[in-house]
Protein backbone atom coordinates (compact mmCIF):
# COMPACT_ATOMS: atom_id res chain seq x y z
CA UNK A 1 99.17 95.54 -34.80
CA UNK A 2 96.16 94.58 -32.78
CA UNK A 3 95.96 96.32 -29.47
CA UNK A 4 94.64 94.23 -26.61
CA UNK A 5 93.06 95.80 -23.51
CA UNK A 6 94.72 94.44 -20.44
CA UNK A 7 92.46 93.79 -17.46
CA UNK A 8 94.15 95.08 -14.29
CA UNK A 9 93.86 92.67 -11.36
CA UNK A 10 93.64 94.55 -8.00
CA UNK A 11 93.35 93.24 -4.48
CA UNK A 12 89.77 93.28 -3.28
CA UNK A 13 89.03 96.69 -1.71
CA UNK A 14 87.63 97.12 1.81
CA UNK A 15 84.44 99.05 2.02
CA UNK A 16 83.32 101.44 4.77
CA UNK A 17 80.98 98.77 6.08
CA UNK A 18 83.87 96.42 6.60
CA UNK A 19 85.82 98.92 8.68
CA UNK A 20 82.71 99.82 10.63
CA UNK A 21 82.12 96.15 11.39
CA UNK A 22 85.68 95.73 12.63
CA UNK A 23 85.33 98.84 14.77
CA UNK A 24 82.04 97.58 16.17
CA UNK A 25 83.54 94.21 17.07
CA UNK A 26 86.49 95.88 18.78
CA UNK A 27 84.18 98.24 20.63
CA UNK A 28 81.96 95.38 21.76
CA UNK A 29 84.98 93.38 22.95
CA UNK A 30 86.29 96.32 25.00
CA UNK A 31 82.82 97.15 26.30
CA UNK A 32 82.10 93.57 27.29
CA UNK A 33 85.46 93.35 29.04
CA UNK A 34 84.73 96.59 30.87
CA UNK A 35 81.25 95.35 31.76
CA UNK A 36 82.59 92.01 32.99
CA UNK A 37 85.18 93.78 35.17
CA UNK A 38 82.49 96.03 36.63
CA UNK A 39 80.30 93.05 37.37
CA UNK A 40 83.24 91.27 38.99
CA UNK A 41 84.11 94.33 41.13
CA UNK A 42 80.46 94.76 42.07
CA UNK A 43 80.28 91.13 43.14
CA UNK A 44 83.51 91.46 45.16
CA UNK A 45 82.22 94.66 46.81
CA UNK A 46 78.92 93.01 47.70
CA UNK A 47 80.78 90.05 49.20
CA UNK A 48 83.04 92.37 51.21
CA UNK A 49 80.05 94.39 52.35
CA UNK A 50 78.31 91.29 53.63
CA UNK A 51 81.47 90.06 55.36
CA UNK A 52 81.94 93.42 57.08
CA UNK A 53 78.33 93.52 58.21
CA UNK A 54 78.51 89.96 59.54
CA UNK A 55 81.61 90.93 61.52
CA UNK A 56 79.95 94.13 62.73
CA UNK A 57 76.93 92.10 63.82
CA UNK A 58 79.17 89.94 66.01
CA UNK A 59 80.73 93.08 67.52
CA UNK A 60 77.30 94.52 68.25
CA UNK A 61 76.21 91.35 70.02
CA UNK A 62 79.38 91.54 72.12
CA UNK A 63 78.68 95.20 72.91
CA UNK A 64 75.12 94.43 73.99
CA UNK A 65 76.28 91.67 76.32
CA UNK A 66 78.96 93.95 77.79
CA UNK A 67 76.48 96.80 78.22
CA UNK A 68 74.02 94.48 79.98
CA UNK A 69 76.72 93.59 82.50
CA UNK A 70 77.92 97.18 82.91
CA UNK A 71 74.39 98.50 83.42
CA UNK A 72 73.75 95.84 86.05
CA UNK A 73 76.98 96.61 87.90
CA UNK A 74 76.40 100.35 87.53
CA UNK A 75 72.88 100.16 88.95
CA UNK A 76 74.09 98.18 91.97
CA UNK A 77 76.97 100.62 92.44
CA UNK A 78 74.67 103.67 92.41
CA UNK A 79 72.48 102.09 95.09
CA UNK A 80 75.51 101.48 97.31
CA UNK A 81 76.82 104.95 96.51
CA UNK A 82 73.53 106.59 97.52
CA UNK A 83 73.62 104.82 100.86
CA UNK A 84 77.30 105.57 101.44
CA UNK A 85 76.83 109.29 100.82
CA UNK A 86 73.86 109.29 103.20
CA UNK A 87 75.99 107.63 105.88
CA UNK A 88 78.81 110.11 105.40
CA UNK A 89 76.48 113.12 105.50
CA UNK A 90 73.68 112.23 107.89
CA UNK A 91 75.08 109.71 110.32
CA UNK A 92 77.97 109.61 112.74
CA UNK A 93 80.72 107.88 110.71
CA UNK A 94 82.27 106.27 113.78
CA UNK A 95 78.99 104.81 115.00
CA UNK A 96 78.20 103.52 111.49
CA UNK A 97 81.69 102.34 110.59
CA UNK A 98 80.50 98.75 109.97
CA UNK A 99 77.89 99.94 107.50
CA UNK A 100 80.36 102.23 105.75
CA UNK A 101 82.80 99.32 105.40
CA UNK A 102 80.07 97.12 103.91
CA UNK A 103 78.99 99.78 101.43
CA UNK A 104 82.43 100.96 100.33
CA UNK A 105 83.44 98.00 98.08
CA UNK A 106 80.18 98.04 96.12
CA UNK A 107 80.08 101.82 95.89
CA UNK A 108 83.66 101.89 94.69
CA UNK A 109 83.24 99.37 91.88
CA UNK A 110 84.76 100.48 88.60
CA UNK A 111 81.89 101.02 86.15
CA UNK A 112 82.89 101.17 82.51
CA UNK A 113 83.31 99.12 79.39
CA UNK A 114 85.28 98.87 76.18
CA UNK A 115 83.29 98.71 72.97
CA UNK A 116 84.32 96.27 70.26
CA UNK A 117 86.22 98.18 67.57
CA UNK A 118 87.50 95.29 65.45
CA UNK A 119 85.18 95.92 62.50
CA UNK A 120 84.65 99.65 63.01
CA UNK A 121 88.40 100.27 62.78
CA UNK A 122 88.61 98.35 59.50
CA UNK A 123 85.63 100.18 58.02
CA UNK A 124 86.95 103.59 59.03
CA UNK A 125 90.61 103.11 58.15
CA UNK A 126 90.01 101.47 54.77
CA UNK A 127 87.17 103.76 53.69
CA UNK A 128 84.98 100.71 53.27
CA UNK A 129 81.86 102.41 54.61
CA UNK A 130 81.25 103.30 50.94
CA UNK A 131 80.39 99.63 50.44
CA UNK A 132 77.26 99.96 52.59
CA UNK A 133 74.63 100.69 49.96
CA UNK A 134 71.68 101.25 52.29
CA UNK A 135 71.96 104.89 53.35
CA UNK A 136 69.66 104.38 56.34
CA UNK A 137 71.88 101.59 57.60
CA UNK A 138 75.03 103.60 56.94
CA UNK A 139 73.65 106.56 58.89
CA UNK A 140 72.59 104.31 61.77
CA UNK A 141 76.11 102.88 62.02
CA UNK A 142 77.62 106.37 62.05
CA UNK A 143 75.17 107.52 64.75
CA UNK A 144 76.06 104.48 66.85
CA UNK A 145 79.77 105.29 66.58
CA UNK A 146 79.10 108.89 67.62
CA UNK A 147 77.19 107.72 70.69
CA UNK A 148 80.10 105.45 71.61
CA UNK A 149 82.37 108.50 71.52
CA UNK A 150 80.07 110.22 74.00
CA UNK A 151 80.07 107.16 76.25
CA UNK A 152 83.86 106.91 76.18
CA UNK A 153 84.22 110.60 77.02
CA UNK A 154 81.92 110.27 80.04
CA UNK A 155 83.64 107.04 81.07
CA UNK A 156 87.02 108.79 81.13
CA UNK A 157 85.56 111.52 83.31
CA UNK A 158 84.03 108.92 85.60
CA UNK A 159 87.32 107.06 86.01
CA UNK A 160 89.07 110.32 86.86
CA UNK A 161 86.54 111.12 89.57
CA UNK A 162 86.72 107.59 90.91
CA UNK A 163 90.50 107.83 91.19
CA UNK A 164 90.20 111.07 93.16
CA UNK A 165 87.55 109.56 95.44
CA UNK A 166 89.74 106.51 96.03
CA UNK A 167 92.60 108.75 97.14
CA UNK A 168 90.35 109.93 99.97
CA UNK A 169 88.75 106.55 100.68
CA UNK A 170 92.11 104.94 101.48
CA UNK A 171 92.57 107.58 104.19
CA UNK A 172 89.30 106.54 105.85
CA UNK A 173 88.92 102.81 105.18
CA UNK A 174 91.41 100.30 106.58
CA UNK A 175 91.83 97.25 104.36
CA UNK A 176 92.82 95.03 107.28
CA UNK A 177 89.17 94.62 108.24
CA UNK A 178 88.37 92.83 104.98
CA UNK A 179 89.03 89.20 104.18
CA UNK A 180 88.42 87.12 101.06
CA UNK A 181 87.31 83.57 101.89
CA UNK A 182 87.77 82.53 98.26
CA UNK A 183 91.02 83.70 96.65
CA UNK A 184 89.51 83.19 93.18
CA UNK A 185 86.80 85.76 93.99
CA UNK A 186 88.63 88.80 95.43
CA UNK A 187 85.57 91.04 95.08
CA UNK A 188 83.54 88.84 97.41
CA UNK A 189 85.01 90.04 100.66
CA UNK A 190 83.62 89.59 104.14
CA UNK A 191 83.99 92.12 106.94
CA UNK A 192 85.69 91.30 110.20
CA UNK A 193 83.93 92.40 113.38
CA UNK A 194 85.02 95.58 115.15
CA UNK A 195 85.91 97.52 112.00
CA UNK A 196 86.88 101.12 112.73
CA UNK A 197 87.62 104.07 110.49
CA UNK A 198 91.19 105.25 110.18
CA UNK A 199 89.91 108.74 110.85
CA UNK A 200 86.59 110.49 111.12
CA UNK A 201 87.98 113.97 110.62
CA UNK A 202 84.95 116.06 109.56
CA UNK A 203 86.90 117.87 106.86
CA UNK A 204 88.14 114.64 105.28
CA UNK A 205 84.71 113.01 105.55
CA UNK A 206 83.14 116.04 103.85
CA UNK A 207 85.71 115.91 101.06
CA UNK A 208 85.06 112.22 100.54
CA UNK A 209 81.31 112.81 100.45
CA UNK A 210 81.75 115.58 97.90
CA UNK A 211 83.92 113.39 95.69
CA UNK A 212 81.45 110.54 95.85
CA UNK A 213 78.55 112.91 95.13
CA UNK A 214 80.29 114.21 92.02
CA UNK A 215 81.02 110.68 90.90
CA UNK A 216 77.39 109.71 91.45
CA UNK A 217 76.17 112.50 89.14
CA UNK A 218 78.54 111.45 86.37
CA UNK A 219 77.71 107.77 86.94
CA UNK A 220 73.99 108.48 86.54
CA UNK A 221 74.75 110.32 83.31
CA UNK A 222 76.98 107.52 82.07
CA UNK A 223 74.33 104.87 82.68
CA UNK A 224 71.69 107.03 80.99
CA UNK A 225 73.83 107.36 77.86
CA UNK A 226 74.71 103.68 77.99
CA UNK A 227 71.02 102.76 77.92
CA UNK A 228 70.60 104.93 74.82
CA UNK A 229 73.58 103.20 73.20
CA UNK A 230 72.13 99.82 74.14
CA UNK A 231 68.84 100.64 72.39
CA UNK A 232 70.72 101.86 69.31
CA UNK A 233 72.77 98.65 69.20
CA UNK A 234 69.67 96.45 69.42
CA UNK A 235 67.95 98.40 66.62
CA UNK A 236 71.11 98.24 64.51
CA UNK A 237 71.32 94.47 64.97
CA UNK A 238 67.78 94.05 63.68
CA UNK A 239 68.44 96.40 60.77
CA UNK A 240 71.55 94.49 59.69
CA UNK A 241 69.80 91.12 60.03
CA UNK A 242 66.90 92.34 57.89
CA UNK A 243 69.11 93.96 55.23
CA UNK A 244 71.44 90.98 54.74
CA UNK A 245 69.08 88.17 55.71
CA UNK A 246 71.25 87.00 58.59
CA UNK A 247 69.80 84.56 61.09
């Protein structure tokens, strides 16, 4: 009997190259997806960074305007305060009661401000300062925030001294001698003729002078620091505008 060789039909085999190609395609798909996600996150971070800096820029402009006003009021207050202390120390308070009454409102003006913290709070609380890629800019922002802390600390001290000085002032100055012609402008008060001090007790006058002198020292220091903060804010505004091409 004739023996026939049977040809065995097998499914086509897969070579190493085939598996490598499949692996490469899978790797490229995962890598491209990872790369696309990184690009998307980078784009989102850049957009957030720019939004934060635009918001911070608005806050800085508000701070500068507020500091301009505070420095103006503070300078006027120190001038009045200098004259008031001179009157309390060098002149007879009773004979110069009219002058003391005219100086007291300006000398007693509250000098202080609140810095805008809308954007700074968001950046600090969310850890978003990491988004600021320019290290020089990031450092400048941090330095500005530190200076604000110093200003706020001095401001609190100033308000405390002003409160203590006011406690003595109300024992010397009688409000009945003031009148406000325009109710919408209570700070613009005129003085009635014949104003007299409630008391000119030397001990009380000396205490008031001491309180006002202490407040003057702290006020000078506060205004000095505020001028430094003002310069930092202006430089920071220019730095942000240059970095992000803001108008």
